[in-house]
Amino acid sequence: MELPRYEKFRSSKNNEYYFRLRSKGNGEIILASEGYSTSQARDNGINSVRINSPFEEQYERKQNNDSYTFVLKAKNGEPIGRSESYTSSQARENGIDAVKRDAPGAIAVEV
């Protein structure tokens, strides 16, 4: 995978709409959304990630035992994307840096 991208999809389990952000280069999933009731709401979520991802203050860092995660929040405080679980705080920071780098310009595709 060369370019970062948002993959848009609908779950067959609950019929909700989701997106995930894949990073530039290795294609790892670096951010995943909550479920949305409509495709338009999901697309608004993607736009919110594009707008909010460059700003440090929009990231909430979490730690639970040896698991490090982050949540990207909109200006209103609502979560718009969650990370995978990382094994160190440095790996989590690398994940945040990847979202900051890739999210604003990533293309969106249906999968």
Foldseek 3Di string as FASTA:
>chain_A
DAAKAWEWEADPVPRFIWIFIFFGDPRDTLKIFDTHRDVVVRVVLLVQLLVQLQDPVQKDWDDDPQWIWIFGAGPVGHTSIIGDTDRDPVVRVVSSVRSNVHSNPHYYDYD
